[in-house]
Amino acid sequence: MADQSSLEVAMTLIMYGGEAKSCAVEAIAAAKGGDFPRAAAKLELAQKALLQAHHAQAEMLTKEAQGENTELSLFMVHGQDHLMTSIAFVDLAKEIIDLHKKFKE
């Protein structure tokens, strides 16, 4: 079983990764409706959520580099997967929003 610290990091990655993806979905929907200021605001929230997840991940990586091994658990694998998928989703949302802008012009 994962230790409490490792579990907290995993849950942080899952929570903020999910928040980032949700904001990106909302940003795409806003752009689809032509509301580009709202789309930009939602993308900014997505980036802030990714930054929070990144801080948790960086803290864990720093501890690992200092010799504090992190127990690998299914929660951590899921958290890392959730974060990486969310990063890709936010990147794609930016491109989709740009396409919507070009179509509206």
PDB file of N, CA and C in Angstrom:
ATOM      1  N   MET A   1       0.851  -1.188   0.000  1.00  0.00           N
ATOM      2  CA  MET A   1       0.000   0.000   0.000  1.00  0.00           C
ATOM      3  C   MET A   1       0.890   1.242   0.000  1.00  0.00           C
ATOM      4  N   ALA A   2       0.453   2.273  -0.717  1.00  0.00           N
ATOM      5  CA  ALA A   2       1.212   3.511  -0.813  1.00  0.00           C
ATOM      6  C   ALA A   2       1.189   4.255   0.521  1.00  0.00           C
ATOM      7  N   ASP A   3       2.313   4.948   0.828  1.00  0.00           N
ATOM      8  CA  ASP A   3       2.318   5.740   2.052  1.00  0.00           C
ATOM      9  C   ASP A   3       1.433   6.976   1.876  1.00  0.00           C
ATOM     10  N   GLN A   4       1.123   7.638   2.976  1.00  0.00           N
ATOM     11  CA  GLN A   4       0.181   8.761   2.963  1.00  0.00           C
ATOM     12  C   GLN A   4       0.662   9.884   2.047  1.00  0.00           C
ATOM     13  N   SER A   5       1.944  10.222   2.099  1.00  0.00           N
ATOM     14  CA  SER A   5       2.493  11.301   1.281  1.00  0.00           C
ATOM     15  C   SER A   5       2.346  10.981  -0.209  1.00  0.00           C
ATOM     16  N   SER A   6       2.685   9.760  -0.568  1.00  0.00           N
ATOM     17  CA  SER A   6       2.578   9.317  -1.957  1.00  0.00           C
ATOM     18  C   SER A   6       1.124   9.334  -2.423  1.00  0.00           C
ATOM     19  N   LEU A   7       0.234   8.908  -1.561  1.00  0.00           N
ATOM     20  CA  LEU A   7      -1.193   8.904  -1.891  1.00  0.00           C
ATOM     21  C   LEU A   7      -1.706  10.335  -2.075  1.00  0.00           C
ATOM     22  N   GLU A   8      -1.258  11.251  -1.221  1.00  0.00           N
ATOM     23  CA  GLU A   8      -1.676  12.653  -1.341  1.00  0.00           C
ATOM     24  C   GLU A   8      -1.204  13.255  -2.661  1.00  0.00           C
ATOM     25  N   VAL A   9       0.026  12.958  -3.063  1.00  0.00           N
ATOM     26  CA  VAL A   9       0.534  13.457  -4.339  1.00  0.00           C
ATOM     27  C   VAL A   9      -0.286  12.884  -5.480  1.00  0.00           C
ATOM     28  N   ALA A  10      -0.559  11.592  -5.443  1.00  0.00           N
ATOM     29  CA  ALA A  10      -1.353  10.960  -6.497  1.00  0.00           C
ATOM     30  C   ALA A  10      -2.731  11.590  -6.598  1.00  0.00           C
ATOM     31  N   MET A  11      -3.363  11.813  -5.474  1.00  0.00           N
ATOM     32  CA  MET A  11      -4.699  12.414  -5.494  1.00  0.00           C
ATOM     33  C   MET A  11      -4.646  13.862  -5.975  1.00  0.00           C
ATOM     34  N   THR A  12      -3.586  14.564  -5.660  1.00  0.00           N
ATOM     35  CA  THR A  12      -3.406  15.936  -6.152  1.00  0.00           C
ATOM     36  C   THR A  12      -3.280  15.931  -7.672  1.00  0.00           C
ATOM     37  N   LEU A  13      -2.505  14.996  -8.206  1.00  0.00           N
ATOM     38  CA  LEU A  13      -2.356  14.893  -9.659  1.00  0.00           C
ATOM     39  C   LEU A  13      -3.700  14.592 -10.329  1.00  0.00           C
ATOM     40  N   ILE A  14      -4.448  13.688  -9.730  1.00  0.00           N
ATOM     41  CA  ILE A  14      -5.760  13.312 -10.284  1.00  0.00           C
ATOM     42  C   ILE A  14      -6.710  14.506 -10.221  1.00  0.00           C
ATOM     43  N   MET A  15      -6.755  15.167  -9.078  1.00  0.00           N
ATOM     44  CA  MET A  15      -7.688  16.277  -8.885  1.00  0.00           C
ATOM     45  C   MET A  15      -7.382  17.439  -9.840  1.00  0.00           C
ATOM     46  N   TYR A  16      -6.140  17.904  -9.840  1.00  0.00           N
ATOM     47  CA  TYR A  16      -5.807  19.054 -10.677  1.00  0.00           C
ATOM     48  C   TYR A  16      -5.757  18.691 -12.162  1.00  0.00           C
ATOM     49  N   GLY A  17      -5.363  17.467 -12.464  1.00  0.00           N
ATOM     50  CA  GLY A  17      -5.418  17.027 -13.858  1.00  0.00           C
ATOM     51  C   GLY A  17      -6.846  17.019 -14.371  1.00  0.00           C
ATOM     52  N   GLY A  18      -7.759  16.523 -13.560  1.00  0.00           N
ATOM     53  CA  GLY A  18      -9.171  16.512 -13.935  1.00  0.00           C
ATOM     54  C   GLY A  18      -9.736  17.910 -14.081  1.00  0.00           C
ATOM     55  N   GLU A  19      -9.325  18.811 -13.179  1.00  0.00           N
ATOM     56  CA  GLU A  19      -9.771  20.212 -13.252  1.00  0.00           C
ATOM     57  C   GLU A  19      -9.282  20.860 -14.548  1.00  0.00           C
ATOM     58  N   ALA A  20      -8.041  20.606 -14.898  1.00  0.00           N
ATOM     59  CA  ALA A  20      -7.479  21.172 -16.127  1.00  0.00           C
ATOM     60  C   ALA A  20      -8.239  20.680 -17.355  1.00  0.00           C
ATOM     61  N   LYS A  21      -8.512  19.398 -17.394  1.00  0.00           N
ATOM     62  CA  LYS A  21      -9.233  18.847 -18.547  1.00  0.00           C
ATOM     63  C   LYS A  21     -10.644  19.419 -18.626  1.00  0.00           C
ATOM     64  N   SER A  22     -11.324  19.522 -17.499  1.00  0.00           N
ATOM     65  CA  SER A  22     -12.679  20.080 -17.486  1.00  0.00           C
ATOM     66  C   SER A  22     -12.688  21.523 -17.989  1.00  0.00           C
ATOM     67  N   CYS A  23     -11.720  22.300 -17.536  1.00  0.00           N
ATOM     68  CA  CYS A  23     -11.627  23.695 -17.996  1.00  0.00           C
ATOM     69  C   CYS A  23     -11.339  23.754 -19.493  1.00  0.00           C
ATOM     70  N   ALA A  24     -10.518  22.850 -19.984  1.00  0.00           N
ATOM     71  CA  ALA A  24     -10.209  22.822 -21.414  1.00  0.00           C
ATOM     72  C   ALA A  24     -11.447  22.469 -22.233  1.00  0.00           C
ATOM     73  N   VAL A  25     -12.254  21.535 -21.745  1.00  0.00           N
ATOM     74  CA  VAL A  25     -13.502  21.178 -22.424  1.00  0.00           C
ATOM     75  C   VAL A  25     -14.430  22.396 -22.472  1.00  0.00           C
ATOM     76  N   GLU A  26     -14.511  23.111 -21.355  1.00  0.00           N
ATOM     77  CA  GLU A  26     -15.342  24.313 -21.303  1.00  0.00           C
ATOM     78  C   GLU A  26     -14.795  25.395 -22.232  1.00  0.00           C
ATOM     79  N   ALA A  27     -13.486  25.487 -22.360  1.00  0.00           N
ATOM     80  CA  ALA A  27     -12.875  26.465 -23.261  1.00  0.00           C
ATOM     81  C   ALA A  27     -13.225  26.160 -24.713  1.00  0.00           C
ATOM     82  N   ILE A  28     -13.179  24.898 -25.086  1.00  0.00           N
ATOM     83  CA  ILE A  28     -13.549  24.502 -26.448  1.00  0.00           C
ATOM     84  C   ILE A  28     -15.011  24.829 -26.717  1.00  0.00           C
ATOM     85  N   ALA A  29     -15.873  24.521 -25.765  1.00  0.00           N
ATOM     86  CA  ALA A  29     -17.302  24.806 -25.926  1.00  0.00           C
ATOM     87  C   ALA A  29     -17.543  26.308 -26.093  1.00  0.00           C
ATOM     88  N   ALA A  30     -16.835  27.107 -25.309  1.00  0.00           N
ATOM     89  CA  ALA A  30     -16.978  28.558 -25.419  1.00  0.00           C
ATOM     90  C   ALA A  30     -16.528  29.036 -26.797  1.00  0.00           C
ATOM     91  N   ALA A  31     -15.406  28.525 -27.270  1.00  0.00           N
ATOM     92  CA  ALA A  31     -14.903  28.919 -28.593  1.00  0.00           C
ATOM     93  C   ALA A  31     -15.859  28.485 -29.695  1.00  0.00           C
ATOM     94  N   LYS A  32     -16.416  27.314 -29.538  1.00  0.00           N
ATOM     95  CA  LYS A  32     -17.381  26.815 -30.527  1.00  0.00           C
ATOM     96  C   LYS A  32     -18.580  27.764 -30.634  1.00  0.00           C
ATOM     97  N   GLY A  33     -18.950  28.363 -29.504  1.00  0.00           N
ATOM     98  CA  GLY A  33     -20.039  29.331 -29.485  1.00  0.00           C
ATOM     99  C   GLY A  33     -19.601  30.747 -29.811  1.00  0.00           C
ATOM    100  N   GLY A  34     -18.322  30.937 -30.114  1.00  0.00           N
ATOM    101  CA  GLY A  34     -17.812  32.253 -30.479  1.00  0.00           C
ATOM    102  C   GLY A  34     -17.415  33.131 -29.304  1.00  0.00           C
ATOM    103  N   ASP A  35     -17.455  32.603 -28.092  1.00  0.00           N
ATOM    104  CA  ASP A  35     -17.100  33.383 -26.899  1.00  0.00           C
ATOM    105  C   ASP A  35     -15.618  33.180 -26.592  1.00  0.00           C
ATOM    106  N   PHE A  36     -14.776  33.879 -27.340  1.00  0.00           N
ATOM    107  CA  PHE A  36     -13.338  33.693 -27.214  1.00  0.00           C
ATOM    108  C   PHE A  36     -12.747  34.268 -25.921  1.00  0.00           C
ATOM    109  N   PRO A  37     -13.295  35.345 -25.370  1.00  0.00           N
ATOM    110  CA  PRO A  37     -12.794  35.775 -24.053  1.00  0.00           C
ATOM    111  C   PRO A  37     -13.029  34.713 -22.970  1.00  0.00           C
ATOM    112  N   ARG A  38     -14.198  34.070 -22.995  1.00  0.00           N
ATOM    113  CA  ARG A  38     -14.473  33.002 -22.022  1.00  0.00           C
ATOM    114  C   ARG A  38     -13.543  31.808 -22.274  1.00  0.00           C
ATOM    115  N   ALA A  39     -13.317  31.504 -23.541  1.00  0.00           N
ATOM    116  CA  ALA A  39     -12.409  30.402 -23.868  1.00  0.00           C
ATOM    117  C   ALA A  39     -11.015  30.674 -23.317  1.00  0.00           C
ATOM    118  N   ALA A  40     -10.543  31.903 -23.478  1.00  0.00           N
ATOM    119  CA  ALA A  40      -9.218  32.267 -22.970  1.00  0.00           C
ATOM    120  C   ALA A  40      -9.175  32.178 -21.448  1.00  0.00           C
ATOM    121  N   ALA A  41     -10.239  32.615 -20.796  1.00  0.00           N
ATOM    122  CA  ALA A  41     -10.294  32.548 -19.331  1.00  0.00           C
ATOM    123  C   ALA A  41     -10.269  31.099 -18.854  1.00  0.00           C
ATOM    124  N   LYS A  42     -10.999  30.240 -19.538  1.00  0.00           N
ATOM    125  CA  LYS A  42     -11.019  28.818 -19.152  1.00  0.00           C
ATOM    126  C   LYS A  42      -9.663  28.163 -19.394  1.00  0.00           C
ATOM    127  N   LEU A  43      -8.993  28.555 -20.483  1.00  0.00           N
ATOM    128  CA  LEU A  43      -7.653  28.013 -20.722  1.00  0.00           C
ATOM    129  C   LEU A  43      -6.680  28.470 -19.643  1.00  0.00           C
ATOM    130  N   GLU A  44      -6.841  29.697 -19.185  1.00  0.00           N
ATOM    131  CA  GLU A  44      -5.980  30.190 -18.112  1.00  0.00           C
ATOM    132  C   GLU A  44      -6.199  29.382 -16.828  1.00  0.00           C
ATOM    133  N   LEU A  45      -7.467  29.077 -16.534  1.00  0.00           N
ATOM    134  CA  LEU A  45      -7.758  28.236 -15.363  1.00  0.00           C
ATOM    135  C   LEU A  45      -7.166  26.834 -15.535  1.00  0.00           C
ATOM    136  N   ALA A  46      -7.230  26.311 -16.748  1.00  0.00           N
ATOM    137  CA  ALA A  46      -6.652  24.993 -17.024  1.00  0.00           C
ATOM    138  C   ALA A  46      -5.147  25.012 -16.769  1.00  0.00           C
ATOM    139  N   GLN A  47      -4.487  26.072 -17.222  1.00  0.00           N
ATOM    140  CA  GLN A  47      -3.040  26.191 -17.020  1.00  0.00           C
ATOM    141  C   GLN A  47      -2.700  26.294 -15.537  1.00  0.00           C
ATOM    142  N   LYS A  48      -3.519  27.016 -14.784  1.00  0.00           N
ATOM    143  CA  LYS A  48      -3.280  27.142 -13.338  1.00  0.00           C
ATOM    144  C   LYS A  48      -3.422  25.788 -12.641  1.00  0.00           C
ATOM    145  N   ALA A  49      -4.402  25.004 -13.072  1.00  0.00           N
ATOM    146  CA  ALA A  49      -4.583  23.671 -12.487  1.00  0.00           C
ATOM    147  C   ALA A  49      -3.392  22.777 -12.821  1.00  0.00           C
ATOM    148  N   LEU A  50      -2.923  22.848 -14.073  1.00  0.00           N
ATOM    149  CA  LEU A  50      -1.751  22.053 -14.452  1.00  0.00           C
ATOM    150  C   LEU A  50      -0.525  22.463 -13.645  1.00  0.00           C
ATOM    151  N   LEU A  51      -0.406  23.750 -13.363  1.00  0.00           N
ATOM    152  CA  LEU A  51       0.722  24.231 -12.570  1.00  0.00           C
ATOM    153  C   LEU A  51       0.672  23.662 -11.155  1.00  0.00           C
ATOM    154  N   GLN A  52      -0.515  23.604 -10.562  1.00  0.00           N
ATOM    155  CA  GLN A  52      -0.655  23.019  -9.227  1.00  0.00           C
ATOM    156  C   GLN A  52      -0.235  21.550  -9.239  1.00  0.00           C
ATOM    157  N   ALA A  53      -0.672  20.832 -10.259  1.00  0.00           N
ATOM    158  CA  ALA A  53      -0.280  19.422 -10.373  1.00  0.00           C
ATOM    159  C   ALA A  53       1.224  19.300 -10.562  1.00  0.00           C
ATOM    160  N   HIS A  54       1.770  20.180 -11.376  1.00  0.00           N
ATOM    161  CA  HIS A  54       3.211  20.151 -11.626  1.00  0.00           C
ATOM    162  C   HIS A  54       3.998  20.384 -10.338  1.00  0.00           C
ATOM    163  N   HIS A  55       3.525  21.294  -9.491  1.00  0.00           N
ATOM    164  CA  HIS A  55       4.214  21.543  -8.218  1.00  0.00           C
ATOM    165  C   HIS A  55       4.247  20.276  -7.358  1.00  0.00           C
ATOM    166  N   ALA A  56       3.135  19.570  -7.296  1.00  0.00           N
ATOM    167  CA  ALA A  56       3.086  18.324  -6.516  1.00  0.00           C
ATOM    168  C   ALA A  56       4.039  17.285  -7.109  1.00  0.00           C
ATOM    169  N   GLN A  57       4.040  17.204  -8.422  1.00  0.00           N
ATOM    170  CA  GLN A  57       4.911  16.253  -9.097  1.00  0.00           C
ATOM    171  C   GLN A  57       6.380  16.616  -8.880  1.00  0.00           C
ATOM    172  N   ALA A  58       6.706  17.903  -8.986  1.00  0.00           N
ATOM    173  CA  ALA A  58       8.089  18.351  -8.816  1.00  0.00           C
ATOM    174  C   ALA A  58       8.585  18.082  -7.397  1.00  0.00           C
ATOM    175  N   GLU A  59       7.705  18.280  -6.417  1.00  0.00           N
ATOM    176  CA  GLU A  59       8.081  18.004  -5.025  1.00  0.00           C
ATOM    177  C   GLU A  59       8.426  16.521  -4.848  1.00  0.00           C
ATOM    178  N   MET A  60       7.618  15.668  -5.454  1.00  0.00           N
ATOM    179  CA  MET A  60       7.865  14.235  -5.371  1.00  0.00           C
ATOM    180  C   MET A  60       9.179  13.874  -6.079  1.00  0.00           C
ATOM    181  N   LEU A  61       9.421  14.472  -7.241  1.00  0.00           N
ATOM    182  CA  LEU A  61      10.646  14.187  -7.983  1.00  0.00           C
ATOM    183  C   LEU A  61      11.883  14.682  -7.235  1.00  0.00           C
ATOM    184  N   THR A  62      11.754  15.813  -6.562  1.00  0.00           N
ATOM    185  CA  THR A  62      12.857  16.345  -5.767  1.00  0.00           C
ATOM    186  C   THR A  62      13.211  15.381  -4.639  1.00  0.00           C
ATOM    187  N   LYS A  63      12.189  14.885  -3.950  1.00  0.00           N
ATOM    188  CA  LYS A  63      12.427  13.919  -2.872  1.00  0.00           C
ATOM    189  C   LYS A  63      13.094  12.655  -3.415  1.00  0.00           C
ATOM    190  N   GLU A  64      12.633  12.217  -4.573  1.00  0.00           N
ATOM    191  CA  GLU A  64      13.215  11.024  -5.198  1.00  0.00           C
ATOM    192  C   GLU A  64      14.691  11.269  -5.513  1.00  0.00           C
ATOM    193  N   ALA A  65      15.004  12.445  -6.033  1.00  0.00           N
ATOM    194  CA  ALA A  65      16.386  12.786  -6.371  1.00  0.00           C
ATOM    195  C   ALA A  65      17.269  12.866  -5.129  1.00  0.00           C
ATOM    196  N   GLN A  66      16.661  13.173  -3.986  1.00  0.00           N
ATOM    197  CA  GLN A  66      17.395  13.251  -2.733  1.00  0.00           C
ATOM    198  C   GLN A  66      17.505  11.903  -2.037  1.00  0.00           C
ATOM    199  N   GLY A  67      17.037  10.855  -2.693  1.00  0.00           N
ATOM    200  CA  GLY A  67      17.174   9.511  -2.148  1.00  0.00           C
ATOM    201  C   GLY A  67      15.963   8.980  -1.421  1.00  0.00           C
ATOM    202  N   GLU A  68      14.900   9.768  -1.352  1.00  0.00           N
ATOM    203  CA  GLU A  68      13.649   9.311  -0.728  1.00  0.00           C
ATOM    204  C   GLU A  68      12.820   8.597  -1.783  1.00  0.00           C
ATOM    205  N   ASN A  69      12.852   7.296  -1.752  1.00  0.00           N
ATOM    206  CA  ASN A  69      12.121   6.537  -2.765  1.00  0.00           C
ATOM    207  C   ASN A  69      10.615   6.642  -2.572  1.00  0.00           C
ATOM    208  N   THR A  70       9.914   6.769  -3.683  1.00  0.00           N
ATOM    209  CA  THR A  70       8.459   6.818  -3.673  1.00  0.00           C
ATOM    210  C   THR A  70       7.936   5.444  -4.049  1.00  0.00           C
ATOM    211  N   GLU A  71       7.054   4.931  -3.236  1.00  0.00           N
ATOM    212  CA  GLU A  71       6.457   3.631  -3.533  1.00  0.00           C
ATOM    213  C   GLU A  71       5.532   3.772  -4.731  1.00  0.00           C
ATOM    214  N   LEU A  72       5.723   2.931  -5.718  1.00  0.00           N
ATOM    215  CA  LEU A  72       4.883   2.956  -6.903  1.00  0.00           C
ATOM    216  C   LEU A  72       3.577   2.232  -6.597  1.00  0.00           C
ATOM    217  N   SER A  73       2.475   2.939  -6.786  1.00  0.00           N
ATOM    218  CA  SER A  73       1.168   2.348  -6.540  1.00  0.00           C
ATOM    219  C   SER A  73       0.282   2.580  -7.754  1.00  0.00           C
ATOM    220  N   LEU A  74      -0.820   1.885  -7.798  1.00  0.00           N
ATOM    221  CA  LEU A  74      -1.781   2.088  -8.873  1.00  0.00           C
ATOM    222  C   LEU A  74      -2.315   3.513  -8.844  1.00  0.00           C
ATOM    223  N   PHE A  75      -2.477   4.097  -7.647  1.00  0.00           N
ATOM    224  CA  PHE A  75      -2.917   5.485  -7.534  1.00  0.00           C
ATOM    225  C   PHE A  75      -1.924   6.424  -8.209  1.00  0.00           C
ATOM    226  N   MET A  76      -0.625   6.197  -7.977  1.00  0.00           N
ATOM    227  CA  MET A  76       0.386   7.061  -8.571  1.00  0.00           C
ATOM    228  C   MET A  76       0.418   6.899 -10.084  1.00  0.00           C
ATOM    229  N   VAL A  77       0.316   5.682 -10.558  1.00  0.00           N
ATOM    230  CA  VAL A  77       0.281   5.445 -12.005  1.00  0.00           C
ATOM    231  C   VAL A  77      -0.920   6.156 -12.613  1.00  0.00           C
ATOM    232  N   HIS A  78      -2.068   6.039 -11.971  1.00  0.00           N
ATOM    233  CA  HIS A  78      -3.279   6.693 -12.453  1.00  0.00           C
ATOM    234  C   HIS A  78      -3.115   8.215 -12.412  1.00  0.00           C
ATOM    235  N   GLY A  79      -2.531   8.735 -11.340  1.00  0.00           N
ATOM    236  CA  GLY A  79      -2.318  10.174 -11.222  1.00  0.00           C
ATOM    237  C   GLY A  79      -1.407  10.708 -12.310  1.00  0.00           C
ATOM    238  N   GLN A  80      -0.318  10.014 -12.563  1.00  0.00           N
ATOM    239  CA  GLN A  80       0.608  10.432 -13.620  1.00  0.00           C
ATOM    240  C   GLN A  80      -0.063  10.346 -14.993  1.00  0.00           C
ATOM    241  N   ASP A  81      -0.810   9.288 -15.212  1.00  0.00           N
ATOM    242  CA  ASP A  81      -1.528   9.125 -16.473  1.00  0.00           C
ATOM    243  C   ASP A  81      -2.553  10.238 -16.658  1.00  0.00           C
ATOM    244  N   HIS A  82      -3.274  10.534 -15.592  1.00  0.00           N
ATOM    245  CA  HIS A  82      -4.295  11.589 -15.621  1.00  0.00           C
ATOM    246  C   HIS A  82      -3.655  12.932 -15.952  1.00  0.00           C
ATOM    247  N   LEU A  83      -2.528  13.226 -15.327  1.00  0.00           N
ATOM    248  CA  LEU A  83      -1.845  14.489 -15.563  1.00  0.00           C
ATOM    249  C   LEU A  83      -1.343  14.585 -17.001  1.00  0.00           C
ATOM    250  N   MET A  84      -0.689  13.566 -17.486  1.00  0.00           N
ATOM    251  CA  MET A  84      -0.136  13.625 -18.839  1.00  0.00           C
ATOM    252  C   MET A  84      -1.246  13.720 -19.890  1.00  0.00           C
ATOM    253  N   THR A  85      -2.340  13.015 -19.674  1.00  0.00           N
ATOM    254  CA  THR A  85      -3.474  13.104 -20.591  1.00  0.00           C
ATOM    255  C   THR A  85      -4.055  14.516 -20.574  1.00  0.00           C
ATOM    256  N   SER A  86      -4.141  15.108 -19.406  1.00  0.00           N
ATOM    257  CA  SER A  86      -4.683  16.462 -19.280  1.00  0.00           C
ATOM    258  C   SER A  86      -3.786  17.492 -19.961  1.00  0.00           C
ATOM    259  N   ILE A  87      -2.483  17.332 -19.831  1.00  0.00           N
ATOM    260  CA  ILE A  87      -1.551  18.236 -20.505  1.00  0.00           C
ATOM    261  C   ILE A  87      -1.775  18.166 -22.009  1.00  0.00           C
ATOM    262  N   ALA A  88      -1.863  16.962 -22.543  1.00  0.00           N
ATOM    263  CA  ALA A  88      -2.094  16.800 -23.981  1.00  0.00           C
ATOM    264  C   ALA A  88      -3.441  17.392 -24.385  1.00  0.00           C
ATOM    265  N   PHE A  89      -4.458  17.191 -23.556  1.00  0.00           N
ATOM    266  CA  PHE A  89      -5.795  17.690 -23.860  1.00  0.00           C
ATOM    267  C   PHE A  89      -5.810  19.218 -23.890  1.00  0.00           C
ATOM    268  N   VAL A  90      -5.145  19.852 -22.943  1.00  0.00           N
ATOM    269  CA  VAL A  90      -5.088  21.320 -22.909  1.00  0.00           C
ATOM    270  C   VAL A  90      -4.340  21.837 -24.136  1.00  0.00           C
ATOM    271  N   ASP A  91      -3.256  21.179 -24.501  1.00  0.00           N
ATOM    272  CA  ASP A  91      -2.522  21.584 -25.704  1.00  0.00           C
ATOM    273  C   ASP A  91      -3.406  21.490 -26.952  1.00  0.00           C
ATOM    274  N   LEU A  92      -4.151  20.410 -27.061  1.00  0.00           N
ATOM    275  CA  LEU A  92      -5.050  20.250 -28.207  1.00  0.00           C
ATOM    276  C   LEU A  92      -6.197  21.253 -28.161  1.00  0.00           C
ATOM    277  N   ALA A  93      -6.679  21.577 -26.975  1.00  0.00           N
ATOM    278  CA  ALA A  93      -7.750  22.567 -26.842  1.00  0.00           C
ATOM    279  C   ALA A  93      -7.303  23.907 -27.395  1.00  0.00           C
ATOM    280  N   LYS A  94      -6.063  24.291 -27.134  1.00  0.00           N
ATOM    281  CA  LYS A  94      -5.537  25.548 -27.676  1.00  0.00           C
ATOM    282  C   LYS A  94      -5.603  25.553 -29.198  1.00  0.00           C
ATOM    283  N   GLU A  95      -5.231  24.442 -29.795  1.00  0.00           N
ATOM    284  CA  GLU A  95      -5.252  24.348 -31.260  1.00  0.00           C
ATOM    285  C   GLU A  95      -6.688  24.391 -31.797  1.00  0.00           C
ATOM    286  N   ILE A  96      -7.582  23.695 -31.124  1.00  0.00           N
ATOM    287  CA  ILE A  96      -8.987  23.683 -31.549  1.00  0.00           C
ATOM    288  C   ILE A  96      -9.590  25.080 -31.441  1.00  0.00           C
ATOM    289  N   ILE A  97      -9.261  25.779 -30.392  1.00  0.00           N
ATOM    290  CA  ILE A  97      -9.764  27.143 -30.211  1.00  0.00           C
ATOM    291  C   ILE A  97      -9.222  28.052 -31.307  1.00  0.00           C
ATOM    292  N   ASP A  98      -7.947  27.906 -31.636  1.00  0.00           N
ATOM    293  CA  ASP A  98      -7.375  28.692 -32.736  1.00  0.00           C
ATOM    294  C   ASP A  98      -8.105  28.416 -34.049  1.00  0.00           C
ATOM    295  N   LEU A  99      -8.451  27.162 -34.279  1.00  0.00           N
ATOM    296  CA  LEU A  99      -9.194  26.821 -35.501  1.00  0.00           C
ATOM    297  C   LEU A  99     -10.577  27.474 -35.501  1.00  0.00           C
ATOM    298  N   HIS A 100     -11.246  27.459 -34.358  1.00  0.00           N
ATOM    299  CA  HIS A 100     -12.547  28.118 -34.262  1.00  0.00           C
ATOM    300  C   HIS A 100     -12.426  29.612 -34.542  1.00  0.00           C
ATOM    301  N   LYS A 101     -11.370  30.233 -34.055  1.00  0.00           N
ATOM    302  CA  LYS A 101     -11.149  31.663 -34.314  1.00  0.00           C
ATOM    303  C   LYS A 101     -10.999  31.918 -35.808  1.00  0.00           C
ATOM    304  N   LYS A 102     -10.227  31.072 -36.483  1.00  0.00           N
ATOM    305  CA  LYS A 102      -9.995  31.250 -37.926  1.00  0.00           C
ATOM    306  C   LYS A 102     -11.291  31.064 -38.707  1.00  0.00           C
ATOM    307  N   PHE A 103     -12.102  30.112 -38.279  1.00  0.00           N
ATOM    308  CA  PHE A 103     -13.385  29.888 -38.967  1.00  0.00           C
ATOM    309  C   PHE A 103     -14.348  31.041 -38.753  1.00  0.00           C
ATOM    310  N   LYS A 104     -14.260  31.692 -37.607  1.00  0.00           N
ATOM    311  CA  LYS A 104     -15.170  32.809 -37.305  1.00  0.00           C
ATOM    312  C   LYS A 104     -14.764  34.089 -38.038  1.00  0.00           C
ATOM    313  N   GLU A 105     -13.494  34.165 -38.443  1.00  0.00           N
ATOM    314  CA  GLU A 105     -12.996  35.391 -39.110  1.00  0.00           C
ATOM    315  C   GLU A 105     -13.517  35.523 -40.533  1.00  0.00           C
TER     316      GLU A 105
END
